[in-house]
Amino acid sequence: MGVPDVSHATLALLQGTVDLLILRALRQGPAHGYAVSRWVRERTDGVLSLEDAALYQALHRLDARGWIASEWGLSENNRRAKFYALTPTGRTQLRAEVSAWRRYADAVFKVLEPA
């Protein structure tokens, strides 16, 4: 089995990763779904992107958990859009998720290092 070429493909994202990316994007301030997706794509130099279905499912899930709140507003081009913002509970969750991901990444890098 060969190694997949990710140079021209978007990496598949796990549900927990999508949640973390959204929470981190919203730390910048309230944003609509497209702006969240754009922030992730730009921040990762196009390596990661959020599929619309996964993005909006995650936004609804995070809203239901109370980690984000939503309200209707106008986008940059004067279109009606739902804007999402971190709640205090979401900020706490973001800190916990970042800590867990750093521990996970450190462990993976230890495995990847030559012995």
N, C-alpha and C. Protein backbone atom coordinates (compact mmCIF):
# COMPACT_ATOMS: atom_id res chain seq x y z
N MET A 1 0.85 -1.18 0.00
CA MET A 1 0.00 0.00 0.00
C MET A 1 0.89 1.24 0.00
N GLY A 2 0.64 2.17 -0.91
CA GLY A 2 1.46 3.37 -1.04
C GLY A 2 1.07 4.45 -0.06
N VAL A 3 1.91 5.45 0.01
CA VAL A 3 1.66 6.61 0.87
C VAL A 3 0.80 7.60 0.08
N PRO A 4 -0.29 8.08 0.67
CA PRO A 4 -1.14 9.04 -0.07
C PRO A 4 -0.40 10.35 -0.30
N ASP A 5 -0.63 10.94 -1.44
CA ASP A 5 -0.05 12.24 -1.78
C ASP A 5 -0.95 13.33 -1.23
N VAL A 6 -0.48 14.04 -0.20
CA VAL A 6 -1.30 15.10 0.38
C VAL A 6 -0.91 16.47 -0.16
N SER A 7 0.07 16.52 -1.03
CA SER A 7 0.49 17.81 -1.55
C SER A 7 -0.60 18.46 -2.41
N HIS A 8 -1.45 17.66 -3.03
CA HIS A 8 -2.52 18.20 -3.88
C HIS A 8 -3.90 17.86 -3.34
N ALA A 9 -3.95 17.36 -2.14
CA ALA A 9 -5.23 16.95 -1.58
C ALA A 9 -5.41 17.58 -0.21
N THR A 10 -6.65 17.71 0.18
CA THR A 10 -6.96 18.20 1.51
C THR A 10 -6.94 17.03 2.47
N LEU A 11 -6.31 17.22 3.61
CA LEU A 11 -6.28 16.14 4.59
C LEU A 11 -7.67 15.92 5.17
N ALA A 12 -8.02 14.67 5.34
CA ALA A 12 -9.29 14.34 5.98
C ALA A 12 -9.20 14.72 7.45
N LEU A 13 -10.26 15.30 7.96
CA LEU A 13 -10.25 15.77 9.34
C LEU A 13 -11.20 14.95 10.19
N LEU A 14 -10.74 14.60 11.37
CA LEU A 14 -11.60 13.91 12.34
C LEU A 14 -12.52 14.92 13.00
N GLN A 15 -13.65 14.43 13.52
CA GLN A 15 -14.64 15.31 14.14
C GLN A 15 -14.02 16.20 15.22
N GLY A 16 -13.21 15.65 16.08
CA GLY A 16 -12.59 16.43 17.15
C GLY A 16 -11.69 17.52 16.61
N THR A 17 -11.04 17.23 15.49
CA THR A 17 -10.17 18.22 14.87
C THR A 17 -10.98 19.38 14.33
N VAL A 18 -12.08 19.07 13.68
CA VAL A 18 -12.96 20.11 13.13
C VAL A 18 -13.45 21.02 14.26
N ASP A 19 -13.88 20.40 15.36
CA ASP A 19 -14.35 21.20 16.50
C ASP A 19 -13.26 22.13 17.00
N LEU A 20 -12.05 21.60 17.16
CA LEU A 20 -10.93 22.40 17.64
C LEU A 20 -10.63 23.56 16.69
N LEU A 21 -10.60 23.29 15.39
CA LEU A 21 -10.32 24.34 14.41
C LEU A 21 -11.37 25.44 14.45
N ILE A 22 -12.63 25.05 14.59
CA ILE A 22 -13.70 26.05 14.65
C ILE A 22 -13.58 26.89 15.92
N LEU A 23 -13.38 26.23 17.05
CA LEU A 23 -13.24 26.98 18.30
C LEU A 23 -12.07 27.94 18.22
N ARG A 24 -10.97 27.49 17.64
CA ARG A 24 -9.79 28.36 17.52
C ARG A 24 -10.06 29.53 16.58
N ALA A 25 -10.73 29.27 15.48
CA ALA A 25 -11.06 30.36 14.55
C ALA A 25 -11.94 31.40 15.22
N LEU A 26 -12.88 30.96 16.03
CA LEU A 26 -13.80 31.89 16.69
C LEU A 26 -13.16 32.63 17.85
N ARG A 27 -11.98 32.20 18.26
CA ARG A 27 -11.26 32.95 19.29
C ARG A 27 -10.90 34.34 18.76
N GLN A 28 -10.81 34.47 17.44
CA GLN A 28 -10.51 35.75 16.81
C GLN A 28 -11.68 36.73 16.93
N GLY A 29 -12.88 36.20 17.16
CA GLY A 29 -14.08 37.02 17.24
C GLY A 29 -15.20 36.36 16.46
N PRO A 30 -16.41 36.89 16.58
CA PRO A 30 -17.56 36.30 15.88
C PRO A 30 -17.32 36.22 14.37
N ALA A 31 -17.83 35.15 13.76
CA ALA A 31 -17.66 34.96 12.32
C ALA A 31 -18.77 34.06 11.80
N HIS A 32 -19.07 34.21 10.51
CA HIS A 32 -20.02 33.29 9.86
C HIS A 32 -19.24 32.09 9.35
N GLY A 33 -19.95 31.05 8.95
CA GLY A 33 -19.34 29.79 8.57
C GLY A 33 -18.28 29.92 7.48
N TYR A 34 -18.58 30.69 6.43
CA TYR A 34 -17.60 30.82 5.36
C TYR A 34 -16.32 31.47 5.86
N ALA A 35 -16.44 32.46 6.73
CA ALA A 35 -15.25 33.12 7.28
C ALA A 35 -14.42 32.16 8.13
N VAL A 36 -15.09 31.28 8.88
CA VAL A 36 -14.38 30.27 9.67
C VAL A 36 -13.60 29.35 8.71
N SER A 37 -14.25 28.88 7.69
CA SER A 37 -13.63 27.99 6.71
C SER A 37 -12.44 28.68 6.04
N ARG A 38 -12.60 29.91 5.65
CA ARG A 38 -11.54 30.69 5.00
C ARG A 38 -10.35 30.86 5.95
N TRP A 39 -10.63 31.17 7.23
CA TRP A 39 -9.56 31.36 8.21
C TRP A 39 -8.72 30.09 8.35
N VAL A 40 -9.38 28.93 8.44
CA VAL A 40 -8.67 27.66 8.57
C VAL A 40 -7.81 27.41 7.33
N ARG A 41 -8.37 27.60 6.17
CA ARG A 41 -7.65 27.37 4.91
C ARG A 41 -6.43 28.31 4.82
N GLU A 42 -6.62 29.59 5.13
CA GLU A 42 -5.52 30.55 5.05
C GLU A 42 -4.47 30.28 6.12
N ARG A 43 -4.90 29.98 7.33
CA ARG A 43 -3.98 29.75 8.44
C ARG A 43 -3.10 28.52 8.21
N THR A 44 -3.61 27.54 7.46
CA THR A 44 -2.87 26.30 7.21
C THR A 44 -2.26 26.28 5.80
N ASP A 45 -2.20 27.44 5.16
CA ASP A 45 -1.66 27.55 3.80
C ASP A 45 -2.32 26.57 2.84
N GLY A 46 -3.63 26.37 3.04
CA GLY A 46 -4.40 25.53 2.13
C GLY A 46 -4.29 24.03 2.39
N VAL A 47 -3.54 23.63 3.40
CA VAL A 47 -3.39 22.20 3.68
C VAL A 47 -4.68 21.63 4.24
N LEU A 48 -5.35 22.38 5.10
CA LEU A 48 -6.61 21.93 5.69
C LEU A 48 -7.75 22.79 5.17
N SER A 49 -8.86 22.16 4.88
CA SER A 49 -10.07 22.91 4.55
C SER A 49 -11.25 22.15 5.12
N LEU A 50 -12.27 22.88 5.45
CA LEU A 50 -13.46 22.29 6.04
C LEU A 50 -14.53 22.14 4.96
N GLU A 51 -14.98 20.92 4.78
CA GLU A 51 -16.08 20.67 3.86
C GLU A 51 -17.33 21.33 4.45
N ASP A 52 -18.18 21.88 3.60
CA ASP A 52 -19.37 22.58 4.07
C ASP A 52 -20.23 21.74 5.02
N ALA A 53 -20.50 20.50 4.64
CA ALA A 53 -21.36 19.65 5.48
C ALA A 53 -20.75 19.44 6.86
N ALA A 54 -19.46 19.13 6.90
CA ALA A 54 -18.79 18.90 8.19
C ALA A 54 -18.75 20.18 9.01
N LEU A 55 -18.49 21.30 8.35
CA LEU A 55 -18.44 22.59 9.04
C LEU A 55 -19.77 22.92 9.70
N TYR A 56 -20.86 22.84 8.95
CA TYR A 56 -22.15 23.24 9.50
C TYR A 56 -22.69 22.23 10.50
N GLN A 57 -22.38 20.95 10.32
CA GLN A 57 -22.75 19.97 11.35
C GLN A 57 -22.02 20.28 12.65
N ALA A 58 -20.73 20.61 12.54
CA ALA A 58 -19.95 20.93 13.73
C ALA A 58 -20.45 22.22 14.38
N LEU A 59 -20.76 23.22 13.60
CA LEU A 59 -21.28 24.47 14.17
C LEU A 59 -22.56 24.21 14.95
N HIS A 60 -23.45 23.41 14.40
CA HIS A 60 -24.70 23.09 15.11
C HIS A 60 -24.41 22.29 16.38
N ARG A 61 -23.48 21.34 16.30
CA ARG A 61 -23.11 20.52 17.46
C ARG A 61 -22.51 21.40 18.57
N LEU A 62 -21.60 22.29 18.20
CA LEU A 62 -20.96 23.16 19.19
C LEU A 62 -21.97 24.12 19.80
N ASP A 63 -22.91 24.59 19.00
CA ASP A 63 -23.98 25.46 19.50
C ASP A 63 -24.85 24.70 20.51
N ALA A 64 -25.20 23.46 20.18
CA ALA A 64 -26.03 22.64 21.07
C ALA A 64 -25.31 22.35 22.40
N ARG A 65 -23.99 22.25 22.36
CA ARG A 65 -23.21 22.00 23.58
C ARG A 65 -23.00 23.26 24.41
N GLY A 66 -23.34 24.40 23.83
CA GLY A 66 -23.16 25.66 24.55
C GLY A 66 -21.75 26.22 24.44
N TRP A 67 -20.93 25.67 23.54
CA TRP A 67 -19.57 26.15 23.38
C TRP A 67 -19.51 27.38 22.49
N ILE A 68 -20.51 27.54 21.63
CA ILE A 68 -20.63 28.73 20.79
C ILE A 68 -22.08 29.20 20.86
N ALA A 69 -22.28 30.45 20.51
CA ALA A 69 -23.64 31.02 20.41
C ALA A 69 -23.77 31.60 19.00
N SER A 70 -25.00 31.66 18.51
CA SER A 70 -25.19 32.17 17.15
C SER A 70 -26.27 33.24 17.12
N GLU A 71 -26.11 34.11 16.15
CA GLU A 71 -27.15 35.12 15.88
C GLU A 71 -27.03 35.57 14.44
N TRP A 72 -28.15 36.01 13.89
CA TRP A 72 -28.18 36.45 12.51
C TRP A 72 -27.63 37.86 12.38
N GLY A 73 -26.94 38.11 11.27
CA GLY A 73 -26.39 39.43 10.98
C GLY A 73 -26.14 39.56 9.49
N LEU A 74 -25.43 40.60 9.11
CA LEU A 74 -25.11 40.83 7.70
C LEU A 74 -23.63 40.57 7.46
N SER A 75 -23.33 39.83 6.39
CA SER A 75 -21.95 39.53 6.03
C SER A 75 -21.31 40.75 5.39
N GLU A 76 -20.03 40.61 5.01
CA GLU A 76 -19.29 41.70 4.38
C GLU A 76 -19.96 42.19 3.10
N ASN A 77 -20.66 41.28 2.41
CA ASN A 77 -21.32 41.66 1.15
C ASN A 77 -22.83 41.87 1.35
N ASN A 78 -23.21 42.26 2.57
CA ASN A 78 -24.60 42.60 2.92
C ASN A 78 -25.59 41.47 2.71
N ARG A 79 -25.15 40.25 2.89
CA ARG A 79 -26.06 39.10 2.84
C ARG A 79 -26.33 38.64 4.25
N ARG A 80 -27.53 38.15 4.45
CA ARG A 80 -27.91 37.64 5.77
C ARG A 80 -27.11 36.37 6.05
N ALA A 81 -26.47 36.33 7.23
CA ALA A 81 -25.63 35.18 7.58
C ALA A 81 -25.72 34.96 9.09
N LYS A 82 -25.54 33.72 9.48
CA LYS A 82 -25.51 33.39 10.91
C LYS A 82 -24.07 33.54 11.39
N PHE A 83 -23.89 34.34 12.43
CA PHE A 83 -22.58 34.56 13.01
C PHE A 83 -22.46 33.75 14.29
N TYR A 84 -21.28 33.20 14.51
CA TYR A 84 -21.01 32.35 15.66
C TYR A 84 -19.94 33.00 16.51
N ALA A 85 -20.07 32.84 17.83
CA ALA A 85 -19.10 33.41 18.77
C ALA A 85 -18.84 32.41 19.89
N LEU A 86 -17.63 32.42 20.40
CA LEU A 86 -17.30 31.57 21.55
C LEU A 86 -18.05 32.03 22.79
N THR A 87 -18.50 31.09 23.57
CA THR A 87 -19.08 31.39 24.87
C THR A 87 -17.97 31.19 25.91
N PRO A 88 -18.19 31.62 27.15
CA PRO A 88 -17.19 31.34 28.18
C PRO A 88 -16.90 29.84 28.31
N THR A 89 -17.92 29.00 28.20
CA THR A 89 -17.72 27.55 28.24
C THR A 89 -16.88 27.10 27.05
N GLY A 90 -17.10 27.71 25.90
CA GLY A 90 -16.32 27.38 24.71
C GLY A 90 -14.85 27.76 24.86
N ARG A 91 -14.59 28.88 25.51
CA ARG A 91 -13.20 29.29 25.76
C ARG A 91 -12.49 28.27 26.66
N THR A 92 -13.20 27.81 27.68
CA THR A 92 -12.65 26.79 28.57
C THR A 92 -12.39 25.50 27.80
N GLN A 93 -13.34 25.11 26.96
CA GLN A 93 -13.19 23.90 26.16
C GLN A 93 -12.02 24.04 25.19
N LEU A 94 -11.87 25.20 24.58
CA LEU A 94 -10.76 25.43 23.66
C LEU A 94 -9.42 25.23 24.37
N ARG A 95 -9.27 25.79 25.56
CA ARG A 95 -8.02 25.62 26.31
C ARG A 95 -7.75 24.13 26.57
N ALA A 96 -8.78 23.39 26.97
CA ALA A 96 -8.63 21.96 27.24
C ALA A 96 -8.25 21.20 25.96
N GLU A 97 -8.90 21.53 24.85
CA GLU A 97 -8.64 20.84 23.58
C GLU A 97 -7.22 21.14 23.09
N VAL A 98 -6.78 22.38 23.20
CA VAL A 98 -5.43 22.74 22.76
C VAL A 98 -4.40 21.98 23.59
N SER A 99 -4.61 21.91 24.88
CA SER A 99 -3.69 21.18 25.75
C SER A 99 -3.63 19.70 25.36
N ALA A 100 -4.78 19.09 25.13
CA ALA A 100 -4.82 17.68 24.76
C ALA A 100 -4.14 17.45 23.40
N TRP A 101 -4.38 18.33 22.43
CA TRP A 101 -3.77 18.18 21.11
C TRP A 101 -2.27 18.36 21.17
N ARG A 102 -1.79 19.26 22.00
CA ARG A 102 -0.33 19.44 22.13
C ARG A 102 0.31 18.20 22.71
N ARG A 103 -0.32 17.60 23.73
CA ARG A 103 0.21 16.35 24.30
C ARG A 103 0.21 15.25 23.24
N TYR A 104 -0.87 15.16 22.48
CA TYR A 104 -0.98 14.16 21.42
C TYR A 104 0.11 14.37 20.36
N ALA A 105 0.25 15.60 19.88
CA ALA A 105 1.25 15.90 18.84
C ALA A 105 2.66 15.63 19.35
N ASP A 106 2.95 16.00 20.59
CA ASP A 106 4.26 15.73 21.17
C ASP A 106 4.55 14.23 21.18
N ALA A 107 3.54 13.44 21.55
CA ALA A 107 3.71 11.99 21.58
C ALA A 107 3.97 11.43 20.19
N VAL A 108 3.23 11.91 19.19
CA VAL A 108 3.42 11.43 17.82
C VAL A 108 4.82 11.81 17.32
N PHE A 109 5.25 13.05 17.59
CA PHE A 109 6.58 13.45 17.15
C PHE A 109 7.68 12.62 17.83
N LYS A 110 7.47 12.22 19.08
CA LYS A 110 8.44 11.35 19.75
C LYS A 110 8.55 10.02 19.02
N VAL A 111 7.44 9.50 18.55
CA VAL A 111 7.46 8.24 17.80
C VAL A 111 8.17 8.43 16.46
N LEU A 112 7.98 9.56 15.83
CA LEU A 112 8.57 9.82 14.51
C LEU A 112 10.06 10.10 14.56
N GLU A 113 10.58 10.58 15.67
CA GLU A 113 12.00 10.87 15.81
C GLU A 113 12.82 9.61 15.72
N PRO A 114 14.02 9.71 15.13
CA PRO A 114 14.89 8.52 15.12
C PRO A 114 15.24 8.11 16.55
N ALA A 115 15.39 6.82 16.75
CA ALA A 115 15.69 6.32 18.09
C ALA A 115 17.10 6.67 18.52
